[in-house]
Amino acid sequence: QVQLVESGGGLVQAGGSLRLSCTASGRTFSSNTMGWFRQAPGKERDIVAAISWRGGTTYYSDSVKGRFTISRDNAKNTVYLQMNSLKPEDTAVYYCAADSNLRRFGVRDSEYDYWGQGTQVTVSS
């Protein structure tokens, strides 16, 4: 059974930092684009960041560019999201996802096939 399990969420004050981790089990995703998405209450799920299989290509939404960093450790089958200078508007459930299409660098949630259960990030003002 393929699973993506996120961890590292929590409550933090504005200006603080959190590091999210997403570890895969059941198969390796070392050749796949991985992404982080988030969904705030009443809003659609949006991409936050994506990383190519070797980490050479990354994508960030404008809202997090310069504050968040996506990285991966293929030996550990894990992808990370370092979040700095957090703002209350970053409050959301954060999801890790994997794209099964090895020829694509996806930035839309419809392009991702495997999803974690999500981890809550709450930023207080």
PDB file of N, CA and C in Angstrom:
ATOM      1  N   GLN A   1       0.839  -1.186   0.000  1.00  0.00           N
ATOM      2  CA  GLN A   1       0.000   0.000   0.000  1.00  0.00           C
ATOM      3  C   GLN A   1       0.885   1.250   0.000  1.00  0.00           C
ATOM      4  N   VAL A   2       0.635   2.124  -0.955  1.00  0.00           N
ATOM      5  CA  VAL A   2       1.421   3.343  -1.066  1.00  0.00           C
ATOM      6  C   VAL A   2       0.875   4.389  -0.116  1.00  0.00           C
ATOM      7  N   GLN A   3       1.772   4.981   0.649  1.00  0.00           N
ATOM      8  CA  GLN A   3       1.367   6.025   1.575  1.00  0.00           C
ATOM      9  C   GLN A   3       2.343   7.180   1.544  1.00  0.00           C
ATOM     10  N   LEU A   4       1.792   8.387   1.664  1.00  0.00           N
ATOM     11  CA  LEU A   4       2.581   9.588   1.889  1.00  0.00           C
ATOM     12  C   LEU A   4       2.129  10.125   3.241  1.00  0.00           C
ATOM     13  N   VAL A   5       3.084  10.286   4.132  1.00  0.00           N
ATOM     14  CA  VAL A   5       2.742  10.710   5.484  1.00  0.00           C
ATOM     15  C   VAL A   5       3.462  12.005   5.800  1.00  0.00           C
ATOM     16  N   GLU A   6       2.667  13.054   6.058  1.00  0.00           N
ATOM     17  CA  GLU A   6       3.226  14.360   6.404  1.00  0.00           C
ATOM     18  C   GLU A   6       3.390  14.470   7.917  1.00  0.00           C
ATOM     19  N   SER A   7       4.362  15.261   8.307  1.00  0.00           N
ATOM     20  CA  SER A   7       4.556  15.574   9.716  1.00  0.00           C
ATOM     21  C   SER A   7       5.190  16.952   9.822  1.00  0.00           C
ATOM     22  N   GLY A   8       5.173  17.495  11.037  1.00  0.00           N
ATOM     23  CA  GLY A   8       5.846  18.765  11.277  1.00  0.00           C
ATOM     24  C   GLY A   8       4.930  19.965  11.391  1.00  0.00           C
ATOM     25  N   GLY A   9       3.648  19.762  11.164  1.00  0.00           N
ATOM     26  CA  GLY A   9       2.728  20.880  11.299  1.00  0.00           C
ATOM     27  C   GLY A   9       2.542  21.258  12.760  1.00  0.00           C
ATOM     28  N   GLY A  10       1.835  22.373  12.973  1.00  0.00           N
ATOM     29  CA  GLY A  10       1.585  22.810  14.334  1.00  0.00           C
ATOM     30  C   GLY A  10       1.181  24.261  14.391  1.00  0.00           C
ATOM     31  N   LEU A  11       1.246  24.793  15.601  1.00  0.00           N
ATOM     32  CA  LEU A  11       0.887  26.187  15.854  1.00  0.00           C
ATOM     33  C   LEU A  11       2.162  26.992  16.052  1.00  0.00           C
ATOM     34  N   VAL A  12       2.263  28.108  15.362  1.00  0.00           N
ATOM     35  CA  VAL A  12       3.451  28.944  15.457  1.00  0.00           C
ATOM     36  C   VAL A  12       3.026  30.399  15.375  1.00  0.00           C
ATOM     37  N   GLN A  13       3.800  31.275  15.986  1.00  0.00           N
ATOM     38  CA  GLN A  13       3.507  32.699  15.903  1.00  0.00           C
ATOM     39  C   GLN A  13       3.985  33.269  14.579  1.00  0.00           C
ATOM     40  N   ALA A  14       3.366  34.335  14.171  1.00  0.00           N
ATOM     41  CA  ALA A  14       3.792  35.013  12.949  1.00  0.00           C
ATOM     42  C   ALA A  14       5.279  35.361  13.043  1.00  0.00           C
ATOM     43  N   GLY A  15       5.978  35.145  11.940  1.00  0.00           N
ATOM     44  CA  GLY A  15       7.415  35.355  11.913  1.00  0.00           C
ATOM     45  C   GLY A  15       8.231  34.122  12.240  1.00  0.00           C
ATOM     46  N   GLY A  16       7.565  33.093  12.727  1.00  0.00           N
ATOM     47  CA  GLY A  16       8.251  31.867  13.093  1.00  0.00           C
ATOM     48  C   GLY A  16       8.473  30.941  11.918  1.00  0.00           C
ATOM     49  N   SER A  17       9.009  29.763  12.229  1.00  0.00           N
ATOM     50  CA  SER A  17       9.357  28.777  11.205  1.00  0.00           C
ATOM     51  C   SER A  17       8.825  27.407  11.566  1.00  0.00           C
ATOM     52  N   LEU A  18       8.586  26.621  10.546  1.00  0.00           N
ATOM     53  CA  LEU A  18       8.252  25.207  10.683  1.00  0.00           C
ATOM     54  C   LEU A  18       8.887  24.468   9.522  1.00  0.00           C
ATOM     55  N   ARG A  19       9.203  23.193   9.748  1.00  0.00           N
ATOM     56  CA  ARG A  19       9.655  22.349   8.657  1.00  0.00           C
ATOM     57  C   ARG A  19       8.725  21.149   8.556  1.00  0.00           C
ATOM     58  N   LEU A  20       8.100  21.034   7.407  1.00  0.00           N
ATOM     59  CA  LEU A  20       7.241  19.887   7.141  1.00  0.00           C
ATOM     60  C   LEU A  20       8.052  18.792   6.462  1.00  0.00           C
ATOM     61  N   SER A  21       7.713  17.560   6.790  1.00  0.00           N
ATOM     62  CA  SER A  21       8.329  16.403   6.150  1.00  0.00           C
ATOM     63  C   SER A  21       7.234  15.525   5.558  1.00  0.00           C
ATOM     64  N   CYS A  22       7.566  14.856   4.495  1.00  0.00           N
ATOM     65  CA  CYS A  22       6.639  13.919   3.863  1.00  0.00           C
ATOM     66  C   CYS A  22       7.448  12.681   3.487  1.00  0.00           C
ATOM     67  N   THR A  23       7.121  11.571   4.106  1.00  0.00           N
ATOM     68  CA  THR A  23       7.838  10.326   3.857  1.00  0.00           C
ATOM     69  C   THR A  23       6.926   9.336   3.156  1.00  0.00           C
ATOM     70  N   ALA A  24       7.448   8.747   2.101  1.00  0.00           N
ATOM     71  CA  ALA A  24       6.681   7.783   1.322  1.00  0.00           C
ATOM     72  C   ALA A  24       7.010   6.364   1.756  1.00  0.00           C
ATOM     73  N   SER A  25       6.012   5.521   1.689  1.00  0.00           N
ATOM     74  CA  SER A  25       6.213   4.103   1.953  1.00  0.00           C
ATOM     75  C   SER A  25       5.408   3.314   0.932  1.00  0.00           C
ATOM     76  N   GLY A  26       5.793   2.088   0.718  1.00  0.00           N
ATOM     77  CA  GLY A  26       5.089   1.242  -0.234  1.00  0.00           C
ATOM     78  C   GLY A  26       5.684   1.261  -1.623  1.00  0.00           C
ATOM     79  N   ARG A  27       6.382   2.340  -1.965  1.00  0.00           N
ATOM     80  CA  ARG A  27       7.110   2.438  -3.225  1.00  0.00           C
ATOM     81  C   ARG A  27       8.030   3.631  -3.131  1.00  0.00           C
ATOM     82  N   THR A  28       8.961   3.706  -4.042  1.00  0.00           N
ATOM     83  CA  THR A  28       9.850   4.844  -4.069  1.00  0.00           C
ATOM     84  C   THR A  28       9.337   5.903  -5.030  1.00  0.00           C
ATOM     85  N   PHE A  29       9.547   7.163  -4.672  1.00  0.00           N
ATOM     86  CA  PHE A  29       9.170   8.268  -5.547  1.00  0.00           C
ATOM     87  C   PHE A  29      10.400   9.049  -5.971  1.00  0.00           C
ATOM     88  N   SER A  30      11.545   8.392  -5.963  1.00  0.00           N
ATOM     89  CA  SER A  30      12.791   9.097  -6.253  1.00  0.00           C
ATOM     90  C   SER A  30      12.865   9.596  -7.688  1.00  0.00           C
ATOM     91  N   SER A  31      12.040   9.068  -8.574  1.00  0.00           N
ATOM     92  CA  SER A  31      12.038   9.516  -9.968  1.00  0.00           C
ATOM     93  C   SER A  31      10.864  10.442 -10.292  1.00  0.00           C
ATOM     94  N   ASN A  32      10.102  10.823  -9.282  1.00  0.00           N
ATOM     95  CA  ASN A  32       8.880  11.579  -9.492  1.00  0.00           C
ATOM     96  C   ASN A  32       8.992  13.015  -9.001  1.00  0.00           C
ATOM     97  N   THR A  33       8.286  13.895  -9.701  1.00  0.00           N
ATOM     98  CA  THR A  33       8.086  15.229  -9.175  1.00  0.00           C
ATOM     99  C   THR A  33       7.221  15.144  -7.922  1.00  0.00           C
ATOM    100  N   MET A  34       7.626  15.887  -6.906  1.00  0.00           N
ATOM    101  CA  MET A  34       6.873  15.931  -5.663  1.00  0.00           C
ATOM    102  C   MET A  34       6.407  17.369  -5.430  1.00  0.00           C
ATOM    103  N   GLY A  35       5.263  17.502  -4.789  1.00  0.00           N
ATOM    104  CA  GLY A  35       4.747  18.834  -4.552  1.00  0.00           C
ATOM    105  C   GLY A  35       4.149  18.971  -3.165  1.00  0.00           C
ATOM    106  N   TRP A  36       4.087  20.216  -2.725  1.00  0.00           N
ATOM    107  CA  TRP A  36       3.359  20.579  -1.514  1.00  0.00           C
ATOM    108  C   TRP A  36       2.208  21.493  -1.922  1.00  0.00           C
ATOM    109  N   PHE A  37       1.042  21.200  -1.382  1.00  0.00           N
ATOM    110  CA  PHE A  37      -0.155  21.992  -1.623  1.00  0.00           C
ATOM    111  C   PHE A  37      -0.734  22.414  -0.274  1.00  0.00           C
ATOM    112  N   ARG A  38      -1.624  23.378  -0.308  1.00  0.00           N
ATOM    113  CA  ARG A  38      -2.295  23.765   0.929  1.00  0.00           C
ATOM    114  C   ARG A  38      -3.737  24.169   0.627  1.00  0.00           C
ATOM    115  N   GLN A  39      -4.564  23.980   1.634  1.00  0.00           N
ATOM    116  CA  GLN A  39      -5.967  24.349   1.512  1.00  0.00           C
ATOM    117  C   GLN A  39      -6.422  25.008   2.803  1.00  0.00           C
ATOM    118  N   ALA A  40      -6.817  26.254   2.677  1.00  0.00           N
ATOM    119  CA  ALA A  40      -7.357  26.995   3.805  1.00  0.00           C
ATOM    120  C   ALA A  40      -8.871  26.802   3.830  1.00  0.00           C
ATOM    121  N   PRO A  41      -9.507  26.997   4.973  1.00  0.00           N
ATOM    122  CA  PRO A  41     -10.963  26.814   5.076  1.00  0.00           C
ATOM    123  C   PRO A  41     -11.700  27.679   4.065  1.00  0.00           C
ATOM    124  N   GLY A  42     -12.603  27.047   3.320  1.00  0.00           N
ATOM    125  CA  GLY A  42     -13.410  27.765   2.357  1.00  0.00           C
ATOM    126  C   GLY A  42     -12.704  28.114   1.066  1.00  0.00           C
ATOM    127  N   LYS A  43     -11.474  27.645   0.907  1.00  0.00           N
ATOM    128  CA  LYS A  43     -10.712  27.971  -0.296  1.00  0.00           C
ATOM    129  C   LYS A  43     -10.324  26.702  -1.038  1.00  0.00           C
ATOM    130  N   GLU A  44      -9.911  26.875  -2.286  1.00  0.00           N
ATOM    131  CA  GLU A  44      -9.454  25.743  -3.075  1.00  0.00           C
ATOM    132  C   GLU A  44      -8.045  25.334  -2.638  1.00  0.00           C
ATOM    133  N   ARG A  45      -7.694  24.118  -2.994  1.00  0.00           N
ATOM    134  CA  ARG A  45      -6.347  23.642  -2.733  1.00  0.00           C
ATOM    135  C   ARG A  45      -5.413  24.217  -3.797  1.00  0.00           C
ATOM    136  N   ASP A  46      -4.338  24.830  -3.340  1.00  0.00           N
ATOM    137  CA  ASP A  46      -3.387  25.486  -4.230  1.00  0.00           C
ATOM    138  C   ASP A  46      -1.996  24.908  -4.047  1.00  0.00           C
ATOM    139  N   ILE A  47      -1.236  24.970  -5.105  1.00  0.00           N
ATOM    140  CA  ILE A  47       0.152  24.525  -4.993  1.00  0.00           C
ATOM    141  C   ILE A  47       0.954  25.539  -4.195  1.00  0.00           C
ATOM    142  N   VAL A  48       1.867  25.023  -3.398  1.00  0.00           N
ATOM    143  CA  VAL A  48       2.816  25.851  -2.663  1.00  0.00           C
ATOM    144  C   VAL A  48       4.188  25.769  -3.320  1.00  0.00           C
ATOM    145  N   ALA A  49       4.634  24.533  -3.564  1.00  0.00           N
ATOM    146  CA  ALA A  49       5.961  24.329  -4.145  1.00  0.00           C
ATOM    147  C   ALA A  49       6.024  22.957  -4.783  1.00  0.00           C
ATOM    148  N   ALA A  50       6.934  22.812  -5.731  1.00  0.00           N
ATOM    149  CA  ALA A  50       7.171  21.522  -6.368  1.00  0.00           C
ATOM    150  C   ALA A  50       8.663  21.364  -6.620  1.00  0.00           C
ATOM    151  N   ILE A  51       9.100  20.104  -6.703  1.00  0.00           N
ATOM    152  CA  ILE A  51      10.521  19.835  -6.914  1.00  0.00           C
ATOM    153  C   ILE A  51      10.666  18.650  -7.861  1.00  0.00           C
ATOM    154  N   SER A  52      11.578  18.757  -8.802  1.00  0.00           N
ATOM    155  CA  SER A  52      11.820  17.678  -9.745  1.00  0.00           C
ATOM    156  C   SER A  52      12.543  16.529  -9.060  1.00  0.00           C
ATOM    157  N   TRP A  53      12.669  15.419  -9.768  1.00  0.00           N
ATOM    158  CA  TRP A  53      13.149  14.203  -9.119  1.00  0.00           C
ATOM    159  C   TRP A  53      14.566  14.311  -8.606  1.00  0.00           C
ATOM    160  N   ARG A  54      15.401  15.095  -9.260  1.00  0.00           N
ATOM    161  CA  ARG A  54      16.760  15.278  -8.751  1.00  0.00           C
ATOM    162  C   ARG A  54      16.895  16.553  -7.926  1.00  0.00           C
ATOM    163  N   GLY A  55      15.833  17.315  -7.869  1.00  0.00           N
ATOM    164  CA  GLY A  55      15.899  18.553  -7.111  1.00  0.00           C
ATOM    165  C   GLY A  55      16.447  19.731  -7.882  1.00  0.00           C
ATOM    166  N   GLY A  56      16.733  19.522  -9.168  1.00  0.00           N
ATOM    167  CA  GLY A  56      17.338  20.592  -9.944  1.00  0.00           C
ATOM    168  C   GLY A  56      16.373  21.669 -10.380  1.00  0.00           C
ATOM    169  N   THR A  57      15.103  21.336 -10.373  1.00  0.00           N
ATOM    170  CA  THR A  57      14.076  22.303 -10.756  1.00  0.00           C
ATOM    171  C   THR A  57      13.084  22.430  -9.625  1.00  0.00           C
ATOM    172  N   THR A  58      12.787  23.666  -9.257  1.00  0.00           N
ATOM    173  CA  THR A  58      11.795  23.914  -8.218  1.00  0.00           C
ATOM    174  C   THR A  58      10.808  24.972  -8.692  1.00  0.00           C
ATOM    175  N   TYR A  59       9.658  24.949  -8.086  1.00  0.00           N
ATOM    176  CA  TYR A  59       8.614  25.935  -8.366  1.00  0.00           C
ATOM    177  C   TYR A  59       8.040  26.401  -7.041  1.00  0.00           C
ATOM    178  N   TYR A  60       7.762  27.692  -6.941  1.00  0.00           N
ATOM    179  CA  TYR A  60       7.133  28.254  -5.749  1.00  0.00           C
ATOM    180  C   TYR A  60       5.990  29.178  -6.177  1.00  0.00           C
ATOM    181  N   SER A  61       4.921  29.136  -5.436  1.00  0.00           N
ATOM    182  CA  SER A  61       3.872  30.117  -5.681  1.00  0.00           C
ATOM    183  C   SER A  61       4.383  31.495  -5.270  1.00  0.00           C
ATOM    184  N   ASP A  62       3.824  32.512  -5.854  1.00  0.00           N
ATOM    185  CA  ASP A  62       4.278  33.870  -5.558  1.00  0.00           C
ATOM    186  C   ASP A  62       4.119  34.203  -4.081  1.00  0.00           C
ATOM    187  N   SER A  63       3.114  33.631  -3.451  1.00  0.00           N
ATOM    188  CA  SER A  63       2.832  33.973  -2.061  1.00  0.00           C
ATOM    189  C   SER A  63       3.881  33.446  -1.081  1.00  0.00           C
ATOM    190  N   VAL A  64       4.664  32.463  -1.495  1.00  0.00           N
ATOM    191  CA  VAL A  64       5.655  31.883  -0.569  1.00  0.00           C
ATOM    192  C   VAL A  64       7.081  32.061  -1.052  1.00  0.00           C
ATOM    193  N   LYS A  65       7.242  32.578  -2.254  1.00  0.00           N
ATOM    194  CA  LYS A  65       8.579  32.719  -2.827  1.00  0.00           C
ATOM    195  C   LYS A  65       9.456  33.578  -1.924  1.00  0.00           C
ATOM    196  N   GLY A  66      10.659  33.083  -1.649  1.00  0.00           N
ATOM    197  CA  GLY A  66      11.580  33.800  -0.779  1.00  0.00           C
ATOM    198  C   GLY A  66      11.433  33.455   0.689  1.00  0.00           C
ATOM    199  N   ARG A  67      10.355  32.772   1.056  1.00  0.00           N
ATOM    200  CA  ARG A  67      10.131  32.393   2.455  1.00  0.00           C
ATOM    201  C   ARG A  67      10.158  30.885   2.660  1.00  0.00           C
ATOM    202  N   PHE A  68       9.703  30.142   1.682  1.00  0.00           N
ATOM    203  CA  PHE A  68       9.645  28.680   1.785  1.00  0.00           C
ATOM    204  C   PHE A  68      10.698  28.055   0.887  1.00  0.00           C
ATOM    205  N   THR A  69      11.184  26.882   1.307  1.00  0.00           N
ATOM    206  CA  THR A  69      12.150  26.130   0.508  1.00  0.00           C
ATOM    207  C   THR A  69      11.755  24.667   0.480  1.00  0.00           C
ATOM    208  N   ILE A  70      11.634  24.126  -0.717  1.00  0.00           N
ATOM    209  CA  ILE A  70      11.342  22.700  -0.878  1.00  0.00           C
ATOM    210  C   ILE A  70      12.636  21.972  -1.164  1.00  0.00           C
ATOM    211  N   SER A  71      12.772  20.785  -0.589  1.00  0.00           N
ATOM    212  CA  SER A  71      13.956  19.968  -0.826  1.00  0.00           C
ATOM    213  C   SER A  71      13.555  18.508  -0.710  1.00  0.00           C
ATOM    214  N   ARG A  72      14.474  17.632  -1.085  1.00  0.00           N
ATOM    215  CA  ARG A  72      14.163  16.209  -0.996  1.00  0.00           C
ATOM    216  C   ARG A  72      15.420  15.420  -0.720  1.00  0.00           C
ATOM    217  N   ASP A  73      15.212  14.261  -0.119  1.00  0.00           N
ATOM    218  CA  ASP A  73      16.280  13.299   0.140  1.00  0.00           C
ATOM    219  C   ASP A  73      15.775  11.976  -0.414  1.00  0.00           C
ATOM    220  N   ASN A  74      16.202  11.644  -1.615  1.00  0.00           N
ATOM    221  CA  ASN A  74      15.681  10.438  -2.263  1.00  0.00           C
ATOM    222  C   ASN A  74      16.113   9.167  -1.546  1.00  0.00           C
ATOM    223  N   ALA A  75      17.231   9.208  -0.887  1.00  0.00           N
ATOM    224  CA  ALA A  75      17.676   8.030  -0.128  1.00  0.00           C
ATOM    225  C   ALA A  75      16.718   7.721   1.011  1.00  0.00           C
ATOM    226  N   LYS A  76      16.062   8.763   1.509  1.00  0.00           N
ATOM    227  CA  LYS A  76      15.104   8.585   2.606  1.00  0.00           C
ATOM    228  C   LYS A  76      13.660   8.603   2.114  1.00  0.00           C
ATOM    229  N   ASN A  77      13.491   8.751   0.793  1.00  0.00           N
ATOM    230  CA  ASN A  77      12.145   8.806   0.214  1.00  0.00           C
ATOM    231  C   ASN A  77      11.309   9.891   0.885  1.00  0.00           C
ATOM    232  N   THR A  78      11.946  11.025   1.121  1.00  0.00           N
ATOM    233  CA  THR A  78      11.330  12.100   1.898  1.00  0.00           C
ATOM    234  C   THR A  78      11.487  13.440   1.187  1.00  0.00           C
ATOM    235  N   VAL A  79      10.449  14.247   1.261  1.00  0.00           N
ATOM    236  CA  VAL A  79      10.487  15.610   0.747  1.00  0.00           C
ATOM    237  C   VAL A  79      10.170  16.550   1.903  1.00  0.00           C
ATOM    238  N   TYR A  80      10.796  17.719   1.881  1.00  0.00           N
ATOM    239  CA  TYR A  80      10.664  18.672   2.980  1.00  0.00           C
ATOM    240  C   TYR A  80      10.116  20.003   2.471  1.00  0.00           C
ATOM    241  N   LEU A  81       9.519  20.733   3.393  1.00  0.00           N
ATOM    242  CA  LEU A  81       9.138  22.110   3.113  1.00  0.00           C
ATOM    243  C   LEU A  81       9.540  22.946   4.320  1.00  0.00           C
ATOM    244  N   GLN A  82      10.594  23.725   4.146  1.00  0.00           N
ATOM    245  CA  GLN A  82      11.042  24.643   5.191  1.00  0.00           C
ATOM    246  C   GLN A  82      10.265  25.932   5.023  1.00  0.00           C
ATOM    247  N   MET A  83       9.564  26.332   6.064  1.00  0.00           N
ATOM    248  CA  MET A  83       8.719  27.517   6.012  1.00  0.00           C
ATOM    249  C   MET A  83       9.233  28.547   7.017  1.00  0.00           C
ATOM    250  N   ASN A  84       9.688  29.663   6.522  1.00  0.00           N
ATOM    251  CA  ASN A  84      10.202  30.739   7.360  1.00  0.00           C
ATOM    252  C   ASN A  84       9.326  31.979   7.224  1.00  0.00           C
ATOM    253  N   SER A  85       9.483  32.894   8.158  1.00  0.00           N
ATOM    254  CA  SER A  85       8.731  34.149   8.134  1.00  0.00           C
ATOM    255  C   SER A  85       7.240  33.894   7.916  1.00  0.00           C
ATOM    256  N   LEU A  86       6.716  32.978   8.681  1.00  0.00           N
ATOM    257  CA  LEU A  86       5.323  32.577   8.497  1.00  0.00           C
ATOM    258  C   LEU A  86       4.372  33.715   8.810  1.00  0.00           C
ATOM    259  N   LYS A  87       3.270  33.731   8.054  1.00  0.00           N
ATOM    260  CA  LYS A  87       2.249  34.758   8.193  1.00  0.00           C
ATOM    261  C   LYS A  87       0.910  34.094   8.518  1.00  0.00           C
ATOM    262  N   PRO A  88       0.002  34.814   9.142  1.00  0.00           N
ATOM    263  CA  PRO A  88      -1.320  34.224   9.426  1.00  0.00           C
ATOM    264  C   PRO A  88      -2.004  33.681   8.176  1.00  0.00           C
ATOM    265  N   GLU A  89      -1.769  34.294   7.035  1.00  0.00           N
ATOM    266  CA  GLU A  89      -2.396  33.816   5.801  1.00  0.00           C
ATOM    267  C   GLU A  89      -1.794  32.503   5.296  1.00  0.00           C
ATOM    268  N   ASP A  90      -0.732  32.021   5.937  1.00  0.00           N
ATOM    269  CA  ASP A  90      -0.188  30.707   5.605  1.00  0.00           C
ATOM    270  C   ASP A  90      -0.947  29.587   6.310  1.00  0.00           C
ATOM    271  N   THR A  91      -1.864  29.946   7.187  1.00  0.00           N
ATOM    272  CA  THR A  91      -2.649  28.953   7.907  1.00  0.00           C
ATOM    273  C   THR A  91      -3.464  28.115   6.934  1.00  0.00           C
ATOM    274  N   ALA A  92      -3.291  26.806   7.005  1.00  0.00           N
ATOM    275  CA  ALA A  92      -3.964  25.887   6.086  1.00  0.00           C
ATOM    276  C   ALA A  92      -3.600  24.455   6.461  1.00  0.00           C
ATOM    277  N   VAL A  93      -4.276  23.521   5.822  1.00  0.00           N
ATOM    278  CA  VAL A  93      -3.830  22.132   5.848  1.00  0.00           C
ATOM    279  C   VAL A  93      -2.875  21.964   4.676  1.00  0.00           C
ATOM    280  N   TYR A  94      -1.707  21.430   4.969  1.00  0.00           N
ATOM    281  CA  TYR A  94      -0.669  21.241   3.958  1.00  0.00           C
ATOM    282  C   TYR A  94      -0.611  19.778   3.559  1.00  0.00           C
ATOM    283  N   TYR A  95      -0.602  19.568   2.243  1.00  0.00           N
ATOM    284  CA  TYR A  95      -0.597  18.220   1.692  1.00  0.00           C
ATOM    285  C   TYR A  95       0.658  17.993   0.855  1.00  0.00           C
ATOM    286  N   CYS A  96       1.187  16.796   0.970  1.00  0.00           N
ATOM    287  CA  CYS A  96       2.269  16.331   0.113  1.00  0.00           C
ATOM    288  C   CYS A  96       1.659  15.492  -0.999  1.00  0.00           C
ATOM    289  N   ALA A  97       2.250  15.573  -2.192  1.00  0.00           N
ATOM    290  CA  ALA A  97       1.710  14.817  -3.315  1.00  0.00           C
ATOM    291  C   ALA A  97       2.826  14.388  -4.255  1.00  0.00           C
ATOM    292  N   ALA A  98       2.556  13.309  -5.003  1.00  0.00           N
ATOM    293  CA  ALA A  98       3.512  12.789  -5.978  1.00  0.00           C
ATOM    294  C   ALA A  98       2.840  12.650  -7.336  1.00  0.00           C
ATOM    295  N   ASP A  99       3.566  13.003  -8.378  1.00  0.00           N
ATOM    296  CA  ASP A  99       3.073  12.903  -9.751  1.00  0.00           C
ATOM    297  C   ASP A  99       3.619  11.629 -10.371  1.00  0.00           C
ATOM    298  N   SER A 100       2.746  10.755 -10.837  1.00  0.00           N
ATOM    299  CA  SER A 100       3.198   9.476 -11.396  1.00  0.00           C
ATOM    300  C   SER A 100       3.751   9.626 -12.807  1.00  0.00           C
ATOM    301  N   ASN A 101       3.501  10.758 -13.450  1.00  0.00           N
ATOM    302  CA  ASN A 101       3.997  10.980 -14.802  1.00  0.00           C
ATOM    303  C   ASN A 101       5.444  11.456 -14.723  1.00  0.00           C
ATOM    304  N   LEU A 102       6.386  10.583 -15.089  1.00  0.00           N
ATOM    305  CA  LEU A 102       7.801  10.885 -14.931  1.00  0.00           C
ATOM    306  C   LEU A 102       8.297  11.922 -15.927  1.00  0.00           C
ATOM    307  N   ARG A 103       7.471  12.246 -16.937  1.00  0.00           N
ATOM    308  CA  ARG A 103       7.900  13.202 -17.962  1.00  0.00           C
ATOM    309  C   ARG A 103       7.351  14.586 -17.703  1.00  0.00           C
ATOM    310  N   ARG A 104       6.693  14.774 -16.586  1.00  0.00           N
ATOM    311  CA  ARG A 104       6.000  16.024 -16.345  1.00  0.00           C
ATOM    312  C   ARG A 104       6.502  16.684 -15.071  1.00  0.00           C
ATOM    313  N   PHE A 105       6.547  17.995 -15.078  1.00  0.00           N
ATOM    314  CA  PHE A 105       6.789  18.776 -13.868  1.00  0.00           C
ATOM    315  C   PHE A 105       5.488  19.502 -13.595  1.00  0.00           C
ATOM    316  N   GLY A 106       4.650  18.882 -12.784  1.00  0.00           N
ATOM    317  CA  GLY A 106       3.312  19.405 -12.573  1.00  0.00           C
ATOM    318  C   GLY A 106       3.250  20.501 -11.529  1.00  0.00           C
ATOM    319  N   VAL A 107       2.358  21.461 -11.775  1.00  0.00           N
ATOM    320  CA  VAL A 107       2.116  22.517 -10.793  1.00  0.00           C
ATOM    321  C   VAL A 107       0.629  22.655 -10.488  1.00  0.00           C
ATOM    322  N   ARG A 108      -0.177  21.723 -10.990  1.00  0.00           N
ATOM    323  CA  ARG A 108      -1.626  21.736 -10.698  1.00  0.00           C
ATOM    324  C   ARG A 108      -1.982  20.481  -9.924  1.00  0.00           C
ATOM    325  N   ASP A 109      -2.926  20.600  -9.012  1.00  0.00           N
ATOM    326  CA  ASP A 109      -3.245  19.439  -8.185  1.00  0.00           C
ATOM    327  C   ASP A 109      -3.825  18.303  -9.018  1.00  0.00           C
ATOM    328  N   SER A 110      -4.440  18.613 -10.156  1.00  0.00           N
ATOM    329  CA  SER A 110      -4.999  17.567 -11.015  1.00  0.00           C
ATOM    330  C   SER A 110      -3.907  16.687 -11.628  1.00  0.00           C
ATOM    331  N   GLU A 111      -2.661  17.142 -11.583  1.00  0.00           N
ATOM    332  CA  GLU A 111      -1.560  16.395 -12.181  1.00  0.00           C
ATOM    333  C   GLU A 111      -0.899  15.435 -11.191  1.00  0.00           C
ATOM    334  N   TYR A 112      -1.363  15.430  -9.965  1.00  0.00           N
ATOM    335  CA  TYR A 112      -0.764  14.594  -8.928  1.00  0.00           C
ATOM    336  C   TYR A 112      -1.699  13.440  -8.582  1.00  0.00           C
ATOM    337  N   ASP A 113      -1.090  12.274  -8.397  1.00  0.00           N
ATOM    338  CA  ASP A 113      -1.867  11.052  -8.226  1.00  0.00           C
ATOM    339  C   ASP A 113      -1.894  10.519  -6.803  1.00  0.00           C
ATOM    340  N   TYR A 114      -0.836  10.765  -6.071  1.00  0.00           N
ATOM    341  CA  TYR A 114      -0.717  10.239  -4.715  1.00  0.00           C
ATOM    342  C   TYR A 114      -0.710  11.417  -3.746  1.00  0.00           C
ATOM    343  N   TRP A 115      -1.481  11.261  -2.673  1.00  0.00           N
ATOM    344  CA  TRP A 115      -1.655  12.355  -1.720  1.00  0.00           C
ATOM    345  C   TRP A 115      -1.516  11.857  -0.290  1.00  0.00           C
ATOM    346  N   GLY A 116      -0.931  12.703   0.540  1.00  0.00           N
ATOM    347  CA  GLY A 116      -0.913  12.426   1.961  1.00  0.00           C
ATOM    348  C   GLY A 116      -2.218  12.861   2.603  1.00  0.00           C
ATOM    349  N   GLN A 117      -2.310  12.640   3.900  1.00  0.00           N
ATOM    350  CA  GLN A 117      -3.538  12.945   4.619  1.00  0.00           C
ATOM    351  C   GLN A 117      -3.599  14.405   5.057  1.00  0.00           C
ATOM    352  N   GLY A 118      -2.481  15.082   4.986  1.00  0.00           N
ATOM    353  CA  GLY A 118      -2.441  16.491   5.346  1.00  0.00           C
ATOM    354  C   GLY A 118      -1.993  16.729   6.772  1.00  0.00           C
ATOM    355  N   THR A 119      -1.384  17.890   6.979  1.00  0.00           N
ATOM    356  CA  THR A 119      -0.971  18.303   8.315  1.00  0.00           C
ATOM    357  C   THR A 119      -1.360  19.773   8.485  1.00  0.00           C
ATOM    358  N   GLN A 120      -1.896  20.094   9.656  1.00  0.00           N
ATOM    359  CA  GLN A 120      -2.401  21.441   9.909  1.00  0.00           C
ATOM    360  C   GLN A 120      -1.264  22.367  10.303  1.00  0.00           C
ATOM    361  N   VAL A 121      -1.231  23.517   9.661  1.00  0.00           N
ATOM    362  CA  VAL A 121      -0.312  24.590  10.041  1.00  0.00           C
ATOM    363  C   VAL A 121      -1.168  25.800  10.418  1.00  0.00           C
ATOM    364  N   THR A 122      -0.968  26.279  11.625  1.00  0.00           N
ATOM    365  CA  THR A 122      -1.715  27.439  12.104  1.00  0.00           C
ATOM    366  C   THR A 122      -0.724  28.515  12.543  1.00  0.00           C
ATOM    367  N   VAL A 123      -0.866  29.695  11.977  1.00  0.00           N
ATOM    368  CA  VAL A 123       0.028  30.804  12.294  1.00  0.00           C
ATOM    369  C   VAL A 123      -0.796  31.880  12.993  1.00  0.00           C
ATOM    370  N   SER A 124      -0.426  32.165  14.217  1.00  0.00           N
ATOM    371  CA  SER A 124      -1.157  33.161  14.990  1.00  0.00           C
ATOM    372  C   SER A 124      -0.516  34.538  14.828  1.00  0.00           C
ATOM    373  N   SER A 125      -1.350  35.559  14.907  1.00  0.00           N
ATOM    374  CA  SER A 125      -0.845  36.928  14.718  1.00  0.00           C
ATOM    375  C   SER A 125      -0.420  37.546  16.037  1.00  0.00           C
TER     376      SER A 125
END
